[in-house]
């Protein structure tokens, strides 16, 4: 019959107690009896049971030593952060029960350590990305400032350099604002508050910010959306997410191109399709475009820092939605934004 280690310990304790009780009984009986044969018999029994008790104590001590050494080895390996810490989880001994608890603690500590390492790497990458994004505008501003300070030039030329400085300053300001939004979204400081609101109005707000640039490139924009279609979403931040996608569509669509926007209500989601006739994105890079500071190699000449689509995905994800992209180089792109209806 199988007994756990704790049950065995109880039985051993009772056995030792019974043995000592019997020895005491033998000693008392030895004192009150006058028969030497009975006395010798009692002495024999007392000696035998003392020997058994001694063996039990030795066995118990060995178990305690084994237990403490095993626990010490496990704890030492956990402290060192060893990749492989062996736990005996197949038996129901006291040692196994404690090792199960230790294994859970070890797994939690290991997961936390891996998470901290991932966060550290992410922070290092973020600092590197920010440094890279800030470096060029600051270098340009310093260069323009040096030229204005050390060279004599006409008023018209000065205005050209000042305008160039303004462009670089605006880039830095845009980067700073984007970083603030990104930080607030990631840390949970910024709360998304979905409410029932016409998606047409949200879309109109996003479109209003890209119309000027679209008109400069003679890009035709068409919209198919029911003005009365109500969707549960955060108007301000959903407009921001749609604007970032529309801004990219305008930015990477050639002159005389077109952008089509179509909104359909499904059973669980409302789908917003934004289709353009731009450069398109090769399939292997379609997953990377939602990363922070990612930009396609062939579009580095265009304005931008590579945060827009990242912010769009974060905003929509926080509303329990998602974004899909279909694209082919030279044939434009379709960004599909799925927003939960309820």
C-alpha atoms as a PDB file:
ATOM      1  CA  UNK A   1       0.000   0.000   0.000  1.00  0.00           C
ATOM      2  CA  UNK A   2       1.381   3.444  -0.957  1.00  0.00           C
ATOM      3  CA  UNK A   3       1.769   6.132   1.717  1.00  0.00           C
ATOM      4  CA  UNK A   4       2.913   9.676   1.289  1.00  0.00           C
ATOM      5  CA  UNK A   5       6.061  10.944   3.016  1.00  0.00           C
ATOM      6  CA  UNK A   6       4.015  12.974   5.518  1.00  0.00           C
ATOM      7  CA  UNK A   7       1.997   9.842   6.490  1.00  0.00           C
ATOM      8  CA  UNK A   8       5.212   7.853   6.933  1.00  0.00           C
ATOM      9  CA  UNK A   9       6.575  10.575   9.197  1.00  0.00           C
ATOM     10  CA  UNK A  10       3.465  10.381  11.397  1.00  0.00           C
ATOM     11  CA  UNK A  11       3.709   6.581  11.618  1.00  0.00           C
ATOM     12  CA  UNK A  12       7.413   6.748  12.528  1.00  0.00           C
ATOM     13  CA  UNK A  13       6.706   9.315  15.235  1.00  0.00           C
ATOM     14  CA  UNK A  14       3.961   7.157  16.748  1.00  0.00           C
ATOM     15  CA  UNK A  15       6.186   4.084  16.564  1.00  0.00           C
ATOM     16  CA  UNK A  16       9.053   5.845  18.370  1.00  0.00           C
ATOM     17  CA  UNK A  17       6.621   7.123  21.024  1.00  0.00           C
ATOM     18  CA  UNK A  18       5.195   3.625  21.497  1.00  0.00           C
ATOM     19  CA  UNK A  19       8.700   2.132  21.792  1.00  0.00           C
ATOM     20  CA  UNK A  20       9.761   4.609  24.459  1.00  0.00           C
ATOM     21  CA  UNK A  21       6.474   4.023  26.298  1.00  0.00           C
ATOM     22  CA  UNK A  22       7.109   0.273  26.208  1.00  0.00           C
ATOM     23  CA  UNK A  23      10.681   0.782  27.449  1.00  0.00           C
ATOM     24  CA  UNK A  24       9.369   2.847  30.351  1.00  0.00           C
ATOM     25  CA  UNK A  25       6.845   0.090  31.101  1.00  0.00           C
ATOM     26  CA  UNK A  26       9.658  -2.474  31.095  1.00  0.00           C
ATOM     27  CA  UNK A  27      11.726  -0.364  33.469  1.00  0.00           C
ATOM     28  CA  UNK A  28       8.828   0.067  35.910  1.00  0.00           C
ATOM     29  CA  UNK A  29       7.971  -3.644  35.750  1.00  0.00           C
ATOM     30  CA  UNK A  30      11.666  -4.491  36.306  1.00  0.00           C
ATOM     31  CA  UNK A  31      11.646  -2.479  39.529  1.00  0.00           C
ATOM     32  CA  UNK A  32       8.519  -4.051  41.001  1.00  0.00           C
ATOM     33  CA  UNK A  33       9.092  -7.717  40.069  1.00  0.00           C
ATOM     34  CA  UNK A  34      11.372 -10.045  42.069  1.00  0.00           C
ATOM     35  CA  UNK A  35      11.749 -12.830  39.485  1.00  0.00           C
ATOM     36  CA  UNK A  36      15.156 -12.682  37.786  1.00  0.00           C
ATOM     37  CA  UNK A  37      13.945 -14.584  34.758  1.00  0.00           C
ATOM     38  CA  UNK A  38      11.245 -11.966  34.164  1.00  0.00           C
ATOM     39  CA  UNK A  39      13.742  -9.181  34.830  1.00  0.00           C
ATOM     40  CA  UNK A  40      16.161 -10.596  32.247  1.00  0.00           C
ATOM     41  CA  UNK A  41      13.337 -10.947  29.745  1.00  0.00           C
ATOM     42  CA  UNK A  42      12.279  -7.349  30.326  1.00  0.00           C
ATOM     43  CA  UNK A  43      15.883  -6.160  29.961  1.00  0.00           C
ATOM     44  CA  UNK A  44      16.121  -8.034  26.671  1.00  0.00           C
ATOM     45  CA  UNK A  45      12.922  -6.486  25.379  1.00  0.00           C
ATOM     46  CA  UNK A  46      14.043  -3.036  26.552  1.00  0.00           C
ATOM     47  CA  UNK A  47      17.409  -3.425  24.821  1.00  0.00           C
ATOM     48  CA  UNK A  48      15.793  -4.686  21.622  1.00  0.00           C
ATOM     49  CA  UNK A  49      13.323  -1.834  21.481  1.00  0.00           C
ATOM     50  CA  UNK A  50      16.063   0.691  22.260  1.00  0.00           C
ATOM     51  CA  UNK A  51      18.018  -0.688  19.317  1.00  0.00           C
ATOM     52  CA  UNK A  52      14.913  -0.421  17.093  1.00  0.00           C
ATOM     53  CA  UNK A  53      14.339   3.136  18.316  1.00  0.00           C
ATOM     54  CA  UNK A  54      17.961   3.981  17.520  1.00  0.00           C
ATOM     55  CA  UNK A  55      17.561   2.597  13.996  1.00  0.00           C
ATOM     56  CA  UNK A  56      14.371   4.636  13.555  1.00  0.00           C
ATOM     57  CA  UNK A  57      16.133   7.810  14.703  1.00  0.00           C
ATOM     58  CA  UNK A  58      19.052   7.134  12.324  1.00  0.00           C
ATOM     59  CA  UNK A  59      16.638   6.516   9.432  1.00  0.00           C
ATOM     60  CA  UNK A  60      14.708   9.674  10.280  1.00  0.00           C
ATOM     61  CA  UNK A  61      17.948  11.674  10.433  1.00  0.00           C
ATOM     62  CA  UNK A  62      18.992  10.353   7.022  1.00  0.00           C
ATOM     63  CA  UNK A  63      15.654  11.433   5.581  1.00  0.00           C
ATOM     64  CA  UNK A  64      16.052  14.896   7.096  1.00  0.00           C
ATOM     65  CA  UNK A  65      19.619  15.197   5.755  1.00  0.00           C
ATOM     66  CA  UNK A  66      18.520  14.013   2.288  1.00  0.00           C
ATOM     67  CA  UNK A  67      15.584  16.422   2.360  1.00  0.00           C
ATOM     68  CA  UNK A  68      17.718  19.422   3.383  1.00  0.00           C
ATOM     69  CA  UNK A  69      20.486  18.619   0.871  1.00  0.00           C
ATOM     70  CA  UNK A  70      17.998  18.155  -1.983  1.00  0.00           C
ATOM     71  CA  UNK A  71      16.245  21.408  -1.138  1.00  0.00           C
ATOM     72  CA  UNK A  72      19.592  23.176  -0.871  1.00  0.00           C
ATOM     73  CA  UNK A  73      20.644  21.940  -4.341  1.00  0.00           C
ATOM     74  CA  UNK A  74      17.316  23.031  -5.864  1.00  0.00           C
ATOM     75  CA  UNK A  75      17.508  26.462  -4.256  1.00  0.00           C
ATOM     76  CA  UNK A  76      21.154  26.921  -5.301  1.00  0.00           C
ATOM     77  CA  UNK A  77      20.274  26.088  -8.913  1.00  0.00           C
ATOM     78  CA  UNK A  78      17.330  28.480  -8.815  1.00  0.00           C
ATOM     79  CA  UNK A  79      19.505  31.269  -7.372  1.00  0.00           C
ATOM     80  CA  UNK A  80      22.127  30.688 -10.083  1.00  0.00           C
ATOM     81  CA  UNK A  81      19.406  30.779 -12.727  1.00  0.00           C
ATOM     82  CA  UNK A  82      20.359  27.378 -14.144  1.00  0.00           C
ATOM     83  CA  UNK A  83      18.608  26.501 -17.372  1.00  0.00           C
ATOM     84  CA  UNK A  84      17.737  23.014 -16.109  1.00  0.00           C
ATOM     85  CA  UNK A  85      16.557  22.555 -12.535  1.00  0.00           C
ATOM     86  CA  UNK A  86      15.474  18.954 -11.957  1.00  0.00           C
ATOM     87  CA  UNK A  87      12.357  18.392  -9.877  1.00  0.00           C
ATOM     88  CA  UNK A  88      10.952  15.011  -8.825  1.00  0.00           C
ATOM     89  CA  UNK A  89       7.266  15.453  -9.641  1.00  0.00           C
ATOM     90  CA  UNK A  90       6.278  11.797 -10.117  1.00  0.00           C
ATOM     91  CA  UNK A  91       5.822  10.799  -6.460  1.00  0.00           C
ATOM     92  CA  UNK A  92       3.605  12.077  -3.674  1.00  0.00           C
ATOM     93  CA  UNK A  93       6.309  12.559  -1.066  1.00  0.00           C
ATOM     94  CA  UNK A  94       6.696  15.679   1.050  1.00  0.00           C
ATOM     95  CA  UNK A  95       9.827  16.454  -0.973  1.00  0.00           C
ATOM     96  CA  UNK A  96       7.887  16.212  -4.236  1.00  0.00           C
ATOM     97  CA  UNK A  97       5.119  18.451  -2.935  1.00  0.00           C
ATOM     98  CA  UNK A  98       7.593  21.145  -1.929  1.00  0.00           C
ATOM     99  CA  UNK A  99       9.407  20.771  -5.245  1.00  0.00           C
ATOM    100  CA  UNK A 100       6.118  21.319  -7.101  1.00  0.00           C
ATOM    101  CA  UNK A 101       5.720  24.611  -5.244  1.00  0.00           C
ATOM    102  CA  UNK A 102       9.344  25.488  -5.962  1.00  0.00           C
ATOM    103  CA  UNK A 103       8.879  24.640  -9.635  1.00  0.00           C
ATOM    104  CA  UNK A 104       5.913  27.009  -9.845  1.00  0.00           C
ATOM    105  CA  UNK A 105       7.947  29.720  -8.132  1.00  0.00           C
ATOM    106  CA  UNK A 106      10.899  28.997 -10.435  1.00  0.00           C
ATOM    107  CA  UNK A 107       8.702  29.206 -13.547  1.00  0.00           C
ATOM    108  CA  UNK A 108       7.225  32.517 -12.369  1.00  0.00           C
ATOM    109  CA  UNK A 109      10.685  33.928 -11.627  1.00  0.00           C
ATOM    110  CA  UNK A 110      12.003  32.706 -14.977  1.00  0.00           C
ATOM    111  CA  UNK A 111       9.064  34.212 -16.878  1.00  0.00           C
ATOM    112  CA  UNK A 112       9.519  37.515 -15.049  1.00  0.00           C
ATOM    113  CA  UNK A 113      13.231  37.455 -15.825  1.00  0.00           C
ATOM    114  CA  UNK A 114      12.562  36.791 -19.525  1.00  0.00           C
ATOM    115  CA  UNK A 115       9.928  39.529 -19.558  1.00  0.00           C
ATOM    116  CA  UNK A 116      12.329  42.000 -17.944  1.00  0.00           C
ATOM    117  CA  UNK A 117      15.009  41.076 -20.466  1.00  0.00           C
ATOM    118  CA  UNK A 118      12.575  41.551 -23.361  1.00  0.00           C
ATOM    119  CA  UNK A 119      11.527  44.931 -21.980  1.00  0.00           C
ATOM    120  CA  UNK A 120      15.170  45.933 -21.581  1.00  0.00           C
ATOM    121  CA  UNK A 121      15.910  44.989 -25.197  1.00  0.00           C
ATOM    122  CA  UNK A 122      12.771  46.833 -26.340  1.00  0.00           C
ATOM    123  CA  UNK A 123      13.853  49.965 -24.450  1.00  0.00           C
ATOM    124  CA  UNK A 124      17.337  49.765 -25.975  1.00  0.00           C
ATOM    125  CA  UNK A 125      15.829  49.465 -29.452  1.00  0.00           C
ATOM    126  CA  UNK A 126      13.447  52.326 -28.746  1.00  0.00           C
ATOM    127  CA  UNK A 127      16.271  54.590 -27.559  1.00  0.00           C
ATOM    128  CA  UNK A 128      18.280  53.629 -30.635  1.00  0.00           C
ATOM    129  CA  UNK A 129      15.299  54.349 -32.917  1.00  0.00           C
ATOM    130  CA  UNK A 130      14.621  57.713 -31.271  1.00  0.00           C
ATOM    131  CA  UNK A 131      18.289  58.644 -31.526  1.00  0.00           C
ATOM    132  CA  UNK A 132      18.266  57.770 -35.218  1.00  0.00           C
ATOM    133  CA  UNK A 133      15.073  59.753 -35.869  1.00  0.00           C
ATOM    134  CA  UNK A 134      16.263  62.841 -33.959  1.00  0.00           C
ATOM    135  CA  UNK A 135      19.801  62.862 -35.303  1.00  0.00           C
ATOM    136  CA  UNK A 136      19.051  64.045 -38.854  1.00  0.00           C
ATOM    137  CA  UNK A 137      16.734  67.008 -38.031  1.00  0.00           C
ATOM    138  CA  UNK A 138      19.082  68.270 -35.313  1.00  0.00           C
ATOM    139  CA  UNK A 139      22.105  67.981 -37.619  1.00  0.00           C
ATOM    140  CA  UNK A 140      20.231  69.922 -40.323  1.00  0.00           C
ATOM    141  CA  UNK A 141      19.149  72.649 -37.891  1.00  0.00           C
ATOM    142  CA  UNK A 142      22.720  73.031 -36.617  1.00  0.00           C
ATOM    143  CA  UNK A 143      24.008  73.255 -40.180  1.00  0.00           C
ATOM    144  CA  UNK A 144      21.419  75.902 -41.199  1.00  0.00           C
ATOM    145  CA  UNK A 145      22.104  77.861 -38.028  1.00  0.00           C
ATOM    146  CA  UNK A 146      25.858  77.835 -38.687  1.00  0.00           C
ATOM    147  CA  UNK A 147      25.367  79.007 -42.277  1.00  0.00           C
ATOM    148  CA  UNK A 148      23.041  81.837 -41.203  1.00  0.00           C
ATOM    149  CA  UNK A 149      25.430  82.930 -38.479  1.00  0.00           C
ATOM    150  CA  UNK A 150      28.725  82.778 -40.377  1.00  0.00           C
ATOM    151  CA  UNK A 151      27.767  83.735 -43.928  1.00  0.00           C
ATOM    152  CA  UNK A 152      26.378  86.950 -45.322  1.00  0.00           C
ATOM    153  CA  UNK A 153      23.474  86.407 -47.701  1.00  0.00           C
ATOM    154  CA  UNK A 154      20.446  88.131 -49.134  1.00  0.00           C
ATOM    155  CA  UNK A 155      17.167  88.397 -47.225  1.00  0.00           C
ATOM    156  CA  UNK A 156      15.537  85.995 -49.689  1.00  0.00           C
ATOM    157  CA  UNK A 157      18.231  83.395 -49.101  1.00  0.00           C
ATOM    158  CA  UNK A 158      17.890  83.808 -45.340  1.00  0.00           C
ATOM    159  CA  UNK A 159      14.160  83.133 -45.617  1.00  0.00           C
ATOM    160  CA  UNK A 160      14.864  79.943 -47.545  1.00  0.00           C
ATOM    161  CA  UNK A 161      17.182  78.694 -44.794  1.00  0.00           C
ATOM    162  CA  UNK A 162      14.698  79.710 -42.088  1.00  0.00           C
ATOM    163  CA  UNK A 163      11.955  77.845 -43.932  1.00  0.00           C
ATOM    164  CA  UNK A 164      14.196  74.767 -44.046  1.00  0.00           C
ATOM    165  CA  UNK A 165      14.778  75.149 -40.292  1.00  0.00           C
ATOM    166  CA  UNK A 166      11.015  75.313 -39.751  1.00  0.00           C
ATOM    167  CA  UNK A 167      10.574  72.056 -41.662  1.00  0.00           C
ATOM    168  CA  UNK A 168      13.148  70.302 -39.451  1.00  0.00           C
ATOM    169  CA  UNK A 169      11.618  71.787 -36.282  1.00  0.00           C
ATOM    170  CA  UNK A 170       8.186  70.568 -37.389  1.00  0.00           C
ATOM    171  CA  UNK A 171       9.655  67.090 -37.892  1.00  0.00           C
ATOM    172  CA  UNK A 172      11.001  67.120 -34.342  1.00  0.00           C
ATOM    173  CA  UNK A 173       7.683  68.386 -33.006  1.00  0.00           C
ATOM    174  CA  UNK A 174       5.788  65.690 -34.915  1.00  0.00           C
ATOM    175  CA  UNK A 175       8.189  63.057 -33.566  1.00  0.00           C
ATOM    176  CA  UNK A 176       7.726  64.337 -30.016  1.00  0.00           C
ATOM    177  CA  UNK A 177       3.920  64.353 -30.294  1.00  0.00           C
ATOM    178  CA  UNK A 178       3.943  60.856 -31.784  1.00  0.00           C
ATOM    179  CA  UNK A 179       6.223  59.610 -29.007  1.00  0.00           C
ATOM    180  CA  UNK A 180       3.923  61.094 -26.368  1.00  0.00           C
ATOM    181  CA  UNK A 181       0.896  59.375 -27.938  1.00  0.00           C
ATOM    182  CA  UNK A 182       2.776  56.102 -28.224  1.00  0.00           C
ATOM    183  CA  UNK A 183       3.957  56.276 -24.605  1.00  0.00           C
ATOM    184  CA  UNK A 184       0.481  57.108 -23.296  1.00  0.00           C
ATOM    185  CA  UNK A 185      -1.049  54.230 -25.236  1.00  0.00           C
ATOM    186  CA  UNK A 186       1.556  51.666 -24.154  1.00  0.00           C
ATOM    187  CA  UNK A 187       1.566  52.629 -20.470  1.00  0.00           C
ATOM    188  CA  UNK A 188      -2.217  52.772 -20.218  1.00  0.00           C
ATOM    189  CA  UNK A 189      -2.232  56.449 -19.236  1.00  0.00           C
ATOM    190  CA  UNK A 190      -4.431  57.144 -22.224  1.00  0.00           C
ATOM    191  CA  UNK A 191      -7.789  55.452 -21.829  1.00  0.00           C
ATOM    192  CA  UNK A 192      -9.847  54.434 -24.845  1.00  0.00           C
ATOM    193  CA  UNK A 193     -13.537  55.202 -24.219  1.00  0.00           C
ATOM    194  CA  UNK A 194     -15.757  53.619 -26.907  1.00  0.00           C
ATOM    195  CA  UNK A 195     -19.236  55.088 -27.353  1.00  0.00           C
ATOM    196  CA  UNK A 196     -21.983  54.639 -29.925  1.00  0.00           C
ATOM    197  CA  UNK A 197     -21.240  57.233 -32.591  1.00  0.00           C
ATOM    198  CA  UNK A 198     -21.735  57.576 -36.375  1.00  0.00           C
ATOM    199  CA  UNK A 199     -18.620  56.197 -38.069  1.00  0.00           C
ATOM    200  CA  UNK A 200     -19.283  58.594 -40.969  1.00  0.00           C
ATOM    201  CA  UNK A 201     -18.463  61.597 -38.751  1.00  0.00           C
ATOM    202  CA  UNK A 202     -15.275  59.958 -37.474  1.00  0.00           C
ATOM    203  CA  UNK A 203     -14.192  59.189 -41.030  1.00  0.00           C
ATOM    204  CA  UNK A 204     -15.006  62.752 -42.150  1.00  0.00           C
ATOM    205  CA  UNK A 205     -12.786  64.140 -39.395  1.00  0.00           C
ATOM    206  CA  UNK A 206      -9.873  61.962 -40.524  1.00  0.00           C
ATOM    207  CA  UNK A 207     -10.427  62.869 -44.183  1.00  0.00           C
ATOM    208  CA  UNK A 208     -10.459  66.580 -43.393  1.00  0.00           C
ATOM    209  CA  UNK A 209      -6.813  66.399 -42.357  1.00  0.00           C
ATOM    210  CA  UNK A 210      -5.576  64.826 -45.616  1.00  0.00           C
ATOM    211  CA  UNK A 211      -7.715  66.626 -48.220  1.00  0.00           C
ATOM    212  CA  UNK A 212      -5.265  69.508 -48.752  1.00  0.00           C
ATOM    213  CA  UNK A 213      -2.354  67.180 -49.528  1.00  0.00           C
ATOM    214  CA  UNK A 214      -4.610  65.012 -51.697  1.00  0.00           C
ATOM    215  CA  UNK A 215      -5.704  68.047 -53.729  1.00  0.00           C
ATOM    216  CA  UNK A 216      -2.068  69.075 -54.254  1.00  0.00           C
ATOM    217  CA  UNK A 217      -1.459  65.713 -55.951  1.00  0.00           C
ATOM    218  CA  UNK A 218      -4.850  65.705 -57.694  1.00  0.00           C
ATOM    219  CA  UNK A 219      -5.804  62.465 -55.933  1.00  0.00           C
ATOM    220  CA  UNK A 220      -9.487  61.582 -56.230  1.00  0.00           C
ATOM    221  CA  UNK A 221     -11.089  60.332 -52.995  1.00  0.00           C
ATOM    222  CA  UNK A 222     -14.437  58.497 -53.006  1.00  0.00           C
ATOM    223  CA  UNK A 223     -16.405  57.420 -49.930  1.00  0.00           C
ATOM    224  CA  UNK A 224     -19.139  54.791 -49.567  1.00  0.00           C
ATOM    225  CA  UNK A 225     -20.542  54.991 -46.040  1.00  0.00           C
ATOM    226  CA  UNK A 226     -24.016  55.144 -44.553  1.00  0.00           C
ATOM    227  CA  UNK A 227     -24.197  58.481 -42.655  1.00  0.00           C
ATOM    228  CA  UNK A 228     -26.507  56.849 -40.093  1.00  0.00           C
ATOM    229  CA  UNK A 229     -24.266  53.841 -39.403  1.00  0.00           C
ATOM    230  CA  UNK A 230     -23.522  53.848 -35.660  1.00  0.00           C
ATOM    231  CA  UNK A 231     -20.503  51.963 -34.283  1.00  0.00           C
ATOM    232  CA  UNK A 232     -19.197  51.583 -30.734  1.00  0.00           C
ATOM    233  CA  UNK A 233     -15.799  53.326 -30.885  1.00  0.00           C
ATOM    234  CA  UNK A 234     -13.658  56.110 -29.438  1.00  0.00           C
ATOM    235  CA  UNK A 235     -14.253  58.927 -31.923  1.00  0.00           C
ATOM    236  CA  UNK A 236     -11.065  60.899 -31.270  1.00  0.00           C
ATOM    237  CA  UNK A 237      -8.602  58.017 -31.339  1.00  0.00           C
ATOM    238  CA  UNK A 238     -10.324  56.046 -34.083  1.00  0.00           C
ATOM    239  CA  UNK A 239     -10.129  59.199 -36.198  1.00  0.00           C
ATOM    240  CA  UNK A 240      -6.394  59.317 -35.403  1.00  0.00           C
ATOM    241  CA  UNK A 241      -5.986  55.686 -36.494  1.00  0.00           C
ATOM    242  CA  UNK A 242      -7.882  56.240 -39.765  1.00  0.00           C
ATOM    243  CA  UNK A 243      -5.977  59.472 -40.421  1.00  0.00           C
ATOM    244  CA  UNK A 244      -2.619  57.694 -40.174  1.00  0.00           C
ATOM    245  CA  UNK A 245      -3.716  55.133 -42.777  1.00  0.00           C
ATOM    246  CA  UNK A 246      -5.192  57.810 -45.057  1.00  0.00           C
ATOM    247  CA  UNK A 247      -2.087  59.970 -44.685  1.00  0.00           C
ATOM    248  CA  UNK A 248       0.072  57.075 -45.866  1.00  0.00           C
ATOM    249  CA  UNK A 249      -2.313  56.436 -48.761  1.00  0.00           C
ATOM    250  CA  UNK A 250      -2.017  60.064 -49.912  1.00  0.00           C
ATOM    251  CA  UNK A 251       1.715  60.168 -49.304  1.00  0.00           C
ATOM    252  CA  UNK A 252       2.557  57.048 -51.326  1.00  0.00           C
ATOM    253  CA  UNK A 253      -0.002  57.447 -54.129  1.00  0.00           C
ATOM    254  CA  UNK A 254       1.261  59.096 -57.301  1.00  0.00           C
ATOM    255  CA  UNK A 255      -0.319  62.212 -58.767  1.00  0.00           C
ATOM    256  CA  UNK A 256      -3.733  61.725 -60.419  1.00  0.00           C
ATOM    257  CA  UNK A 257      -4.205  58.555 -58.394  1.00  0.00           C
ATOM    258  CA  UNK A 258      -7.280  57.561 -56.418  1.00  0.00           C
ATOM    259  CA  UNK A 259      -8.306  56.462 -52.928  1.00  0.00           C
ATOM    260  CA  UNK A 260     -11.527  54.531 -52.317  1.00  0.00           C
ATOM    261  CA  UNK A 261     -13.093  54.250 -48.862  1.00  0.00           C
ATOM    262  CA  UNK A 262     -15.853  51.721 -48.259  1.00  0.00           C
ATOM    263  CA  UNK A 263     -17.609  50.995 -44.960  1.00  0.00           C
ATOM    264  CA  UNK A 264     -19.628  47.790 -44.453  1.00  0.00           C
ATOM    265  CA  UNK A 265     -21.393  46.600 -41.327  1.00  0.00           C
ATOM    266  CA  UNK A 266     -21.008  42.897 -40.596  1.00  0.00           C
ATOM    267  CA  UNK A 267     -22.616  40.846 -37.839  1.00  0.00           C
ATOM    268  CA  UNK A 268     -19.919  41.487 -35.242  1.00  0.00           C
ATOM    269  CA  UNK A 269     -17.624  44.057 -36.869  1.00  0.00           C
ATOM    270  CA  UNK A 270     -17.791  47.161 -39.007  1.00  0.00           C
ATOM    271  CA  UNK A 271     -15.208  46.972 -41.782  1.00  0.00           C
ATOM    272  CA  UNK A 272     -13.536  50.125 -43.131  1.00  0.00           C
ATOM    273  CA  UNK A 273     -11.639  49.488 -46.383  1.00  0.00           C
ATOM    274  CA  UNK A 274      -9.100  52.104 -47.529  1.00  0.00           C
ATOM    275  CA  UNK A 275      -7.917  51.253 -51.040  1.00  0.00           C
ATOM    276  CA  UNK A 276      -5.256  53.275 -52.865  1.00  0.00           C
ATOM    277  CA  UNK A 277      -3.409  53.130 -56.192  1.00  0.00           C
ATOM    278  CA  UNK A 278      -0.014  53.719 -54.597  1.00  0.00           C
ATOM    279  CA  UNK A 279       3.332  51.938 -54.720  1.00  0.00           C
ATOM    280  CA  UNK A 280       2.141  48.805 -52.966  1.00  0.00           C
ATOM    281  CA  UNK A 281       3.978  46.712 -50.383  1.00  0.00           C
ATOM    282  CA  UNK A 282       5.744  43.418 -51.038  1.00  0.00           C
ATOM    283  CA  UNK A 283       4.314  40.480 -49.095  1.00  0.00           C
ATOM    284  CA  UNK A 284       7.404  39.818 -46.956  1.00  0.00           C
ATOM    285  CA  UNK A 285       7.277  43.367 -45.541  1.00  0.00           C
ATOM    286  CA  UNK A 286       3.542  43.535 -44.846  1.00  0.00           C
ATOM    287  CA  UNK A 287       3.950  42.303 -41.273  1.00  0.00           C
ATOM    288  CA  UNK A 288       6.758  44.753 -40.547  1.00  0.00           C
ATOM    289  CA  UNK A 289       4.918  47.935 -41.539  1.00  0.00           C
ATOM    290  CA  UNK A 290       3.128  48.000 -38.168  1.00  0.00           C
ATOM    291  CA  UNK A 291       6.401  48.071 -36.222  1.00  0.00           C
ATOM    292  CA  UNK A 292       7.662  51.235 -34.582  1.00  0.00           C
ATOM    293  CA  UNK A 293       9.845  53.401 -36.853  1.00  0.00           C
ATOM    294  CA  UNK A 294       9.661  50.920 -39.727  1.00  0.00           C
ATOM    295  CA  UNK A 295       9.804  52.415 -43.208  1.00  0.00           C
ATOM    296  CA  UNK A 296      10.049  50.756 -46.597  1.00  0.00           C
ATOM    297  CA  UNK A 297      13.582  51.167 -48.028  1.00  0.00           C
ATOM    298  CA  UNK A 298      12.311  52.767 -51.254  1.00  0.00           C
ATOM    299  CA  UNK A 299      10.262  55.504 -49.509  1.00  0.00           C
ATOM    300  CA  UNK A 300      12.905  57.091 -47.285  1.00  0.00           C
ATOM    301  CA  UNK A 301      12.738  60.246 -49.396  1.00  0.00           C
ATOM    302  CA  UNK A 302       9.126  60.786 -48.335  1.00  0.00           C
ATOM    303  CA  UNK A 303       8.276  62.620 -45.117  1.00  0.00           C
ATOM    304  CA  UNK A 304       7.507  60.444 -42.121  1.00  0.00           C
ATOM    305  CA  UNK A 305       9.078  58.652 -39.177  1.00  0.00           C
ATOM    306  CA  UNK A 306       7.344  55.256 -39.271  1.00  0.00           C
ATOM    307  CA  UNK A 307       5.062  55.561 -36.239  1.00  0.00           C
ATOM    308  CA  UNK A 308       1.658  56.165 -37.862  1.00  0.00           C
ATOM    309  CA  UNK A 309       0.659  52.591 -38.672  1.00  0.00           C
ATOM    310  CA  UNK A 310       2.024  51.387 -35.338  1.00  0.00           C
ATOM    311  CA  UNK A 311      -0.233  53.867 -33.531  1.00  0.00           C
ATOM    312  CA  UNK A 312      -3.196  52.878 -35.718  1.00  0.00           C
ATOM    313  CA  UNK A 313      -2.812  49.215 -34.845  1.00  0.00           C
ATOM    314  CA  UNK A 314      -2.448  49.964 -31.112  1.00  0.00           C
ATOM    315  CA  UNK A 315      -5.546  52.189 -31.085  1.00  0.00           C
ATOM    316  CA  UNK A 316      -7.710  49.652 -32.931  1.00  0.00           C
ATOM    317  CA  UNK A 317      -6.371  46.737 -30.854  1.00  0.00           C
ATOM    318  CA  UNK A 318      -7.270  48.553 -27.631  1.00  0.00           C
ATOM    319  CA  UNK A 319     -10.851  48.669 -28.949  1.00  0.00           C
ATOM    320  CA  UNK A 320     -10.807  44.871 -29.499  1.00  0.00           C
ATOM    321  CA  UNK A 321     -10.489  45.350 -33.251  1.00  0.00           C
ATOM    322  CA  UNK A 322      -7.775  44.550 -35.783  1.00  0.00           C
ATOM    323  CA  UNK A 323      -6.243  45.697 -39.083  1.00  0.00           C
ATOM    324  CA  UNK A 324      -5.541  43.627 -42.202  1.00  0.00           C
ATOM    325  CA  UNK A 325      -3.525  44.637 -45.246  1.00  0.00           C
ATOM    326  CA  UNK A 326      -3.560  43.326 -48.818  1.00  0.00           C
ATOM    327  CA  UNK A 327      -1.023  44.737 -51.203  1.00  0.00           C
ATOM    328  CA  UNK A 328       1.067  44.038 -54.265  1.00  0.00           C
ATOM    329  CA  UNK A 329       3.963  46.169 -55.535  1.00  0.00           C
ATOM    330  CA  UNK A 330       2.754  48.427 -58.320  1.00  0.00           C
ATOM    331  CA  UNK A 331      -0.923  47.657 -57.695  1.00  0.00           C
ATOM    332  CA  UNK A 332      -1.674  49.665 -54.566  1.00  0.00           C
ATOM    333  CA  UNK A 333      -2.850  48.557 -51.126  1.00  0.00           C
ATOM    334  CA  UNK A 334      -6.055  47.840 -49.222  1.00  0.00           C
ATOM    335  CA  UNK A 335      -6.053  48.463 -45.479  1.00  0.00           C
ATOM    336  CA  UNK A 336      -9.074  46.914 -43.755  1.00  0.00           C
ATOM    337  CA  UNK A 337      -9.925  48.202 -40.282  1.00  0.00           C
ATOM    338  CA  UNK A 338     -12.293  46.005 -38.256  1.00  0.00           C
ATOM    339  CA  UNK A 339     -14.094  47.735 -35.370  1.00  0.00           C
ATOM    340  CA  UNK A 340     -16.423  45.760 -33.049  1.00  0.00           C
ATOM    341  CA  UNK A 341     -20.064  46.814 -33.343  1.00  0.00           C
ATOM    342  CA  UNK A 342     -20.698  46.414 -29.612  1.00  0.00           C
END
